[in-house]
Amino acid sequence: ARVAPSSVDAITNALATSGALITIADDLCGLAAAKDPLLAEIAAAPNSAIIACHTRAVRWLFAAAGYAIDESKTKLYSLRTQNTEDIITALTAETCNAESQVDAVSHDSDWPPWFPVIDRDRCVNCMQCMNFCLFGTYAISPDKQVLVAKPEACKNLCPACARICPKSAIIFPKYEHSPIDGSDVPDEA
């Protein structure tokens, strides 16, 4: 599920006089798959906020692109689980009454970015995903970790590898159901 344009508009309008640099990306998954340098800029910013899908999915999308998020400097907000007004309240707590700069970034490709992201906090490297996938999406890294080597090889709308993952470590951010969508995974009994 994508973010509602009305939520994006409401947040952008609320931040119009905050003095913030606002970047609106049409597809965070596409930017992550392309390892877009914009993600590095966001991850390195001294005070930033990312408003997107589930925070676990965002965290691991950035990691998959090679850009770790320092959550002491970057606040993560989920438009799937948090109320737009609550996000606006949190973001506008420190406004400086200056004109904001708004940029738009587009994932420019015919490929619809549908691919798995690995939650390294949950992954036990069992390699079931790699052994199960018929499309060659996964490979083994030099340090013997399973990785998403060919995201574009993943079959569109197929979350089968995530369903067989014993630790719910495989995320498809565009999937509609928990925990495959990147929502928090309840602790197992």
C-alpha atoms as a PDB file:
ATOM      1  CA  ALA A   1       0.000   0.000   0.000  1.00  0.00           C
ATOM      2  CA  ARG A   2       1.285   3.394  -0.895  1.00  0.00           C
ATOM      3  CA  VAL A   3       1.149   6.521   1.219  1.00  0.00           C
ATOM      4  CA  ALA A   4      -2.001   8.577   0.656  1.00  0.00           C
ATOM      5  CA  PRO A   5      -1.263  11.756  -1.325  1.00  0.00           C
ATOM      6  CA  SER A   6      -3.506  13.682   1.079  1.00  0.00           C
ATOM      7  CA  SER A   7      -1.177  12.739   3.962  1.00  0.00           C
ATOM      8  CA  VAL A   8       1.879  13.869   2.004  1.00  0.00           C
ATOM      9  CA  ASP A   9       0.145  17.154   1.137  1.00  0.00           C
ATOM     10  CA  ALA A  10      -0.929  17.741   4.747  1.00  0.00           C
ATOM     11  CA  ILE A  11       2.593  17.171   6.073  1.00  0.00           C
ATOM     12  CA  THR A  12       4.204  19.273   3.329  1.00  0.00           C
ATOM     13  CA  ASN A  13       1.772  22.142   3.945  1.00  0.00           C
ATOM     14  CA  ALA A  14       2.335  21.969   7.702  1.00  0.00           C
ATOM     15  CA  LEU A  15       6.099  22.190   7.191  1.00  0.00           C
ATOM     16  CA  ALA A  16       5.894  25.001   4.615  1.00  0.00           C
ATOM     17  CA  THR A  17       7.172  27.597   7.102  1.00  0.00           C
ATOM     18  CA  SER A  18       9.468  25.364   9.132  1.00  0.00           C
ATOM     19  CA  GLY A  19      12.587  26.208   7.162  1.00  0.00           C
ATOM     20  CA  ALA A  20      13.075  22.524   6.458  1.00  0.00           C
ATOM     21  CA  LEU A  21      14.424  20.979   3.295  1.00  0.00           C
ATOM     22  CA  ILE A  22      11.630  18.640   2.253  1.00  0.00           C
ATOM     23  CA  THR A  23      12.254  15.861  -0.237  1.00  0.00           C
ATOM     24  CA  ILE A  24       9.286  13.899  -1.525  1.00  0.00           C
ATOM     25  CA  ALA A  25      10.260  10.563  -3.059  1.00  0.00           C
ATOM     26  CA  ASP A  26       7.712   8.726  -5.146  1.00  0.00           C
ATOM     27  CA  ASP A  27       9.223   5.306  -4.381  1.00  0.00           C
ATOM     28  CA  LEU A  28      11.630   4.715  -1.496  1.00  0.00           C
ATOM     29  CA  CYS A  29      12.008   1.082  -2.555  1.00  0.00           C
ATOM     30  CA  GLY A  30      13.200   2.180  -5.997  1.00  0.00           C
ATOM     31  CA  LEU A  31      15.702   4.599  -4.496  1.00  0.00           C
ATOM     32  CA  ALA A  32      17.000   1.866  -2.183  1.00  0.00           C
ATOM     33  CA  ALA A  33      17.329  -0.654  -5.017  1.00  0.00           C
ATOM     34  CA  ALA A  34      19.291   1.922  -7.039  1.00  0.00           C
ATOM     35  CA  LYS A  35      21.418   2.757  -3.970  1.00  0.00           C
ATOM     36  CA  ASP A  36      20.570   6.384  -4.693  1.00  0.00           C
ATOM     37  CA  PRO A  37      23.057   8.820  -3.078  1.00  0.00           C
ATOM     38  CA  LEU A  38      20.109  10.867  -1.792  1.00  0.00           C
ATOM     39  CA  LEU A  39      19.638   8.153   0.838  1.00  0.00           C
ATOM     40  CA  ALA A  40      23.237   8.672   1.968  1.00  0.00           C
ATOM     41  CA  GLU A  41      22.569  12.405   2.347  1.00  0.00           C
ATOM     42  CA  ILE A  42      19.452  11.731   4.411  1.00  0.00           C
ATOM     43  CA  ALA A  43      21.220   9.133   6.573  1.00  0.00           C
ATOM     44  CA  ALA A  44      24.151  11.503   7.185  1.00  0.00           C
ATOM     45  CA  ALA A  45      22.043  14.575   7.969  1.00  0.00           C
ATOM     46  CA  PRO A  46      22.496  15.831  11.535  1.00  0.00           C
ATOM     47  CA  ASN A  47      18.753  16.275  12.126  1.00  0.00           C
ATOM     48  CA  SER A  48      16.295  14.614   9.786  1.00  0.00           C
ATOM     49  CA  ALA A  49      12.989  12.792   9.677  1.00  0.00           C
ATOM     50  CA  ILE A  50      11.786  10.075   7.360  1.00  0.00           C
ATOM     51  CA  ILE A  51       8.051   9.689   6.945  1.00  0.00           C
ATOM     52  CA  ALA A  52       7.219   6.567   4.983  1.00  0.00           C
ATOM     53  CA  CYS A  53       5.968   3.027   5.479  1.00  0.00           C
ATOM     54  CA  HIS A  54       6.735   0.887   8.544  1.00  0.00           C
ATOM     55  CA  THR A  55       9.857   2.053  10.361  1.00  0.00           C
ATOM     56  CA  ARG A  56      11.392  -1.444  10.362  1.00  0.00           C
ATOM     57  CA  ALA A  57      11.036  -1.545   6.572  1.00  0.00           C
ATOM     58  CA  VAL A  58      12.599   1.922   6.200  1.00  0.00           C
ATOM     59  CA  ARG A  59      15.508   1.007   8.470  1.00  0.00           C
ATOM     60  CA  TRP A  60      16.338  -2.074   6.393  1.00  0.00           C
ATOM     61  CA  LEU A  61      15.718  -0.405   3.014  1.00  0.00           C
ATOM     62  CA  PHE A  62      18.405   2.135   3.917  1.00  0.00           C
ATOM     63  CA  ALA A  63      20.688  -0.668   5.144  1.00  0.00           C
ATOM     64  CA  ALA A  64      20.132  -2.627   1.916  1.00  0.00           C
ATOM     65  CA  ALA A  65      21.250   0.450  -0.008  1.00  0.00           C
ATOM     66  CA  GLY A  66      24.366   0.629   2.159  1.00  0.00           C
ATOM     67  CA  TYR A  67      23.315   3.604   4.294  1.00  0.00           C
ATOM     68  CA  ALA A  68      22.697   2.922   7.975  1.00  0.00           C
ATOM     69  CA  ILE A  69      20.323   5.248   9.785  1.00  0.00           C
ATOM     70  CA  ASP A  70      21.458   6.687  13.119  1.00  0.00           C
ATOM     71  CA  GLU A  71      18.147   6.973  14.946  1.00  0.00           C
ATOM     72  CA  SER A  72      19.619   9.438  17.426  1.00  0.00           C
ATOM     73  CA  LYS A  73      19.829  11.911  14.503  1.00  0.00           C
ATOM     74  CA  THR A  74      17.055  10.636  12.230  1.00  0.00           C
ATOM     75  CA  LYS A  75      13.467  10.282  13.412  1.00  0.00           C
ATOM     76  CA  LEU A  76      11.352   7.633  11.695  1.00  0.00           C
ATOM     77  CA  TYR A  77       7.590   7.997  11.273  1.00  0.00           C
ATOM     78  CA  SER A  78       5.183   5.454   9.801  1.00  0.00           C
ATOM     79  CA  LEU A  79       2.217   6.624   7.797  1.00  0.00           C
ATOM     80  CA  ARG A  80       0.883   3.077   8.047  1.00  0.00           C
ATOM     81  CA  THR A  81       0.630   3.078  11.848  1.00  0.00           C
ATOM     82  CA  GLN A  82       0.775   6.712  12.982  1.00  0.00           C
ATOM     83  CA  ASN A  83      -1.829   9.399  12.624  1.00  0.00           C
ATOM     84  CA  THR A  84      -0.877  12.176  10.170  1.00  0.00           C
ATOM     85  CA  GLU A  85      -1.831  14.876  12.690  1.00  0.00           C
ATOM     86  CA  ASP A  86       0.408  13.308  15.353  1.00  0.00           C
ATOM     87  CA  ILE A  87       3.328  13.271  12.926  1.00  0.00           C
ATOM     88  CA  ILE A  88       2.692  16.921  12.035  1.00  0.00           C
ATOM     89  CA  THR A  89       2.590  17.863  15.727  1.00  0.00           C
ATOM     90  CA  ALA A  90       5.911  16.127  16.348  1.00  0.00           C
ATOM     91  CA  LEU A  91       7.551  17.702  13.291  1.00  0.00           C
ATOM     92  CA  THR A  92       6.285  21.237  13.842  1.00  0.00           C
ATOM     93  CA  ALA A  93       7.306  21.431  17.491  1.00  0.00           C
ATOM     94  CA  GLU A  94      10.394  23.400  16.448  1.00  0.00           C
ATOM     95  CA  THR A  95       9.470  25.731  13.604  1.00  0.00           C
ATOM     96  CA  CYS A  96      11.509  28.738  12.607  1.00  0.00           C
ATOM     97  CA  ASN A  97       8.985  30.583  10.411  1.00  0.00           C
ATOM     98  CA  ALA A  98      11.152  30.417   7.304  1.00  0.00           C
ATOM     99  CA  GLU A  99      10.246  29.262   3.824  1.00  0.00           C
ATOM    100  CA  SER A 100      10.849  25.572   3.288  1.00  0.00           C
ATOM    101  CA  GLN A 101      12.473  24.144   0.184  1.00  0.00           C
ATOM    102  CA  VAL A 102      10.535  21.272  -1.395  1.00  0.00           C
ATOM    103  CA  ASP A 103      12.204  18.899  -3.865  1.00  0.00           C
ATOM    104  CA  ALA A 104      10.656  15.931  -5.600  1.00  0.00           C
ATOM    105  CA  VAL A 105      12.645  12.810  -6.408  1.00  0.00           C
ATOM    106  CA  SER A 106      11.317  10.192  -8.762  1.00  0.00           C
ATOM    107  CA  HIS A 107      12.255   6.574  -9.175  1.00  0.00           C
ATOM    108  CA  ASP A 108      12.841   6.702 -12.907  1.00  0.00           C
ATOM    109  CA  SER A 109      12.506   3.156 -14.196  1.00  0.00           C
ATOM    110  CA  ASP A 110      10.012   0.866 -15.860  1.00  0.00           C
ATOM    111  CA  TRP A 111      10.779  -1.767 -13.220  1.00  0.00           C
ATOM    112  CA  PRO A 112       8.240  -1.696 -10.368  1.00  0.00           C
ATOM    113  CA  PRO A 113      10.532  -2.025  -7.336  1.00  0.00           C
ATOM    114  CA  TRP A 114       9.300  -5.204  -5.696  1.00  0.00           C
ATOM    115  CA  PHE A 115      12.049  -7.051  -3.870  1.00  0.00           C
ATOM    116  CA  PRO A 116      12.895  -8.485  -0.454  1.00  0.00           C
ATOM    117  CA  VAL A 117      14.813  -6.629   2.226  1.00  0.00           C
ATOM    118  CA  ILE A 118      16.547  -8.571   4.985  1.00  0.00           C
ATOM    119  CA  ASP A 119      16.089  -7.537   8.618  1.00  0.00           C
ATOM    120  CA  ARG A 120      19.586  -8.362   9.898  1.00  0.00           C
ATOM    121  CA  ASP A 121      18.410  -8.148  13.514  1.00  0.00           C
ATOM    122  CA  ARG A 122      16.121 -11.120  12.887  1.00  0.00           C
ATOM    123  CA  CYS A 123      17.981 -13.105  10.201  1.00  0.00           C
ATOM    124  CA  VAL A 124      19.722 -16.273  11.431  1.00  0.00           C
ATOM    125  CA  ASN A 125      21.255 -16.945   7.999  1.00  0.00           C
ATOM    126  CA  CYS A 126      19.402 -20.245   7.548  1.00  0.00           C
ATOM    127  CA  MET A 127      19.338 -19.572   3.788  1.00  0.00           C
ATOM    128  CA  GLN A 128      15.841 -20.956   3.352  1.00  0.00           C
ATOM    129  CA  CYS A 129      14.948 -17.856   1.325  1.00  0.00           C
ATOM    130  CA  MET A 130      17.835 -18.403  -1.061  1.00  0.00           C
ATOM    131  CA  ASN A 131      17.115 -22.111  -1.443  1.00  0.00           C
ATOM    132  CA  PHE A 132      13.401 -21.454  -1.973  1.00  0.00           C
ATOM    133  CA  CYS A 133      13.596 -18.591  -4.481  1.00  0.00           C
ATOM    134  CA  LEU A 134      13.287 -19.736  -8.100  1.00  0.00           C
ATOM    135  CA  PHE A 135      14.329 -16.399  -9.582  1.00  0.00           C
ATOM    136  CA  GLY A 136      17.953 -15.965  -8.455  1.00  0.00           C
ATOM    137  CA  THR A 137      17.223 -12.975  -6.239  1.00  0.00           C
ATOM    138  CA  TYR A 138      19.507 -14.141  -3.421  1.00  0.00           C
ATOM    139  CA  ALA A 139      23.215 -14.958  -3.213  1.00  0.00           C
ATOM    140  CA  ILE A 140      25.870 -15.547  -0.571  1.00  0.00           C
ATOM    141  CA  SER A 141      28.191 -12.683   0.373  1.00  0.00           C
ATOM    142  CA  PRO A 142      31.945 -13.186   0.794  1.00  0.00           C
ATOM    143  CA  ASP A 143      31.367 -13.316   4.567  1.00  0.00           C
ATOM    144  CA  LYS A 144      28.838 -16.162   4.049  1.00  0.00           C
ATOM    145  CA  GLN A 145      25.670 -14.106   4.660  1.00  0.00           C
ATOM    146  CA  VAL A 146      22.582 -14.434   2.499  1.00  0.00           C
ATOM    147  CA  LEU A 147      21.940 -11.206   0.598  1.00  0.00           C
ATOM    148  CA  VAL A 148      19.588  -9.761  -1.981  1.00  0.00           C
ATOM    149  CA  ALA A 149      21.970  -9.743  -4.950  1.00  0.00           C
ATOM    150  CA  LYS A 150      19.517  -9.170  -7.797  1.00  0.00           C
ATOM    151  CA  PRO A 151      16.455  -7.278  -6.558  1.00  0.00           C
ATOM    152  CA  GLU A 152      15.153  -6.831 -10.108  1.00  0.00           C
ATOM    153  CA  ALA A 153      15.049 -10.640 -10.529  1.00  0.00           C
ATOM    154  CA  CYS A 154      12.330 -10.974  -7.883  1.00  0.00           C
ATOM    155  CA  LYS A 155       8.942 -11.877  -9.327  1.00  0.00           C
ATOM    156  CA  ASN A 156       6.559  -8.956  -8.905  1.00  0.00           C
ATOM    157  CA  LEU A 157       4.062  -9.464  -6.065  1.00  0.00           C
ATOM    158  CA  CYS A 158       5.653 -12.765  -4.943  1.00  0.00           C
ATOM    159  CA  PRO A 159       6.339 -12.773  -1.179  1.00  0.00           C
ATOM    160  CA  ALA A 160       6.808 -16.567  -0.976  1.00  0.00           C
ATOM    161  CA  CYS A 161      10.329 -16.432   0.498  1.00  0.00           C
ATOM    162  CA  ALA A 162       9.057 -14.203   3.300  1.00  0.00           C
ATOM    163  CA  ARG A 163       6.342 -16.700   4.112  1.00  0.00           C
ATOM    164  CA  ILE A 164       8.850 -19.500   4.634  1.00  0.00           C
ATOM    165  CA  CYS A 165      11.323 -17.431   6.655  1.00  0.00           C
ATOM    166  CA  PRO A 166      11.298 -18.931  10.167  1.00  0.00           C
ATOM    167  CA  LYS A 167      12.249 -15.623  11.829  1.00  0.00           C
ATOM    168  CA  SER A 168      10.119 -13.144   9.813  1.00  0.00           C
ATOM    169  CA  ALA A 169      13.352 -11.522   8.635  1.00  0.00           C
ATOM    170  CA  ILE A 170      12.263 -11.012   5.014  1.00  0.00           C
ATOM    171  CA  ILE A 171      10.428  -7.746   4.358  1.00  0.00           C
ATOM    172  CA  PHE A 172       8.505  -6.663   1.282  1.00  0.00           C
ATOM    173  CA  PRO A 173       7.695  -3.013   2.111  1.00  0.00           C
ATOM    174  CA  LYS A 174       4.895  -2.829  -0.470  1.00  0.00           C
ATOM    175  CA  TYR A 175       3.134  -5.954   0.793  1.00  0.00           C
ATOM    176  CA  GLU A 176      -0.178  -5.353   2.549  1.00  0.00           C
ATOM    177  CA  HIS A 177      -0.040  -7.775   5.476  1.00  0.00           C
ATOM    178  CA  SER A 178       1.990  -8.050   8.659  1.00  0.00           C
ATOM    179  CA  PRO A 179       4.753  -8.939   9.343  1.00  0.00           C
ATOM    180  CA  ILE A 180       5.904  -9.294   5.712  1.00  0.00           C
ATOM    181  CA  ASP A 181       5.175  -5.569   5.162  1.00  0.00           C
ATOM    182  CA  GLY A 182       7.881  -4.586   7.653  1.00  0.00           C
ATOM    183  CA  SER A 183       5.613  -3.965  10.610  1.00  0.00           C
ATOM    184  CA  ASP A 184       6.935  -4.927  14.018  1.00  0.00           C
ATOM    185  CA  VAL A 185       7.020  -8.632  14.726  1.00  0.00           C
ATOM    186  CA  PRO A 186       5.484  -9.618  18.055  1.00  0.00           C
ATOM    187  CA  ASP A 187       7.851 -11.533  20.304  1.00  0.00           C
ATOM    188  CA  GLU A 188       7.335 -15.251  19.983  1.00  0.00           C
ATOM    189  CA  ALA A 189       6.283 -17.136  23.100  1.00  0.00           C
END
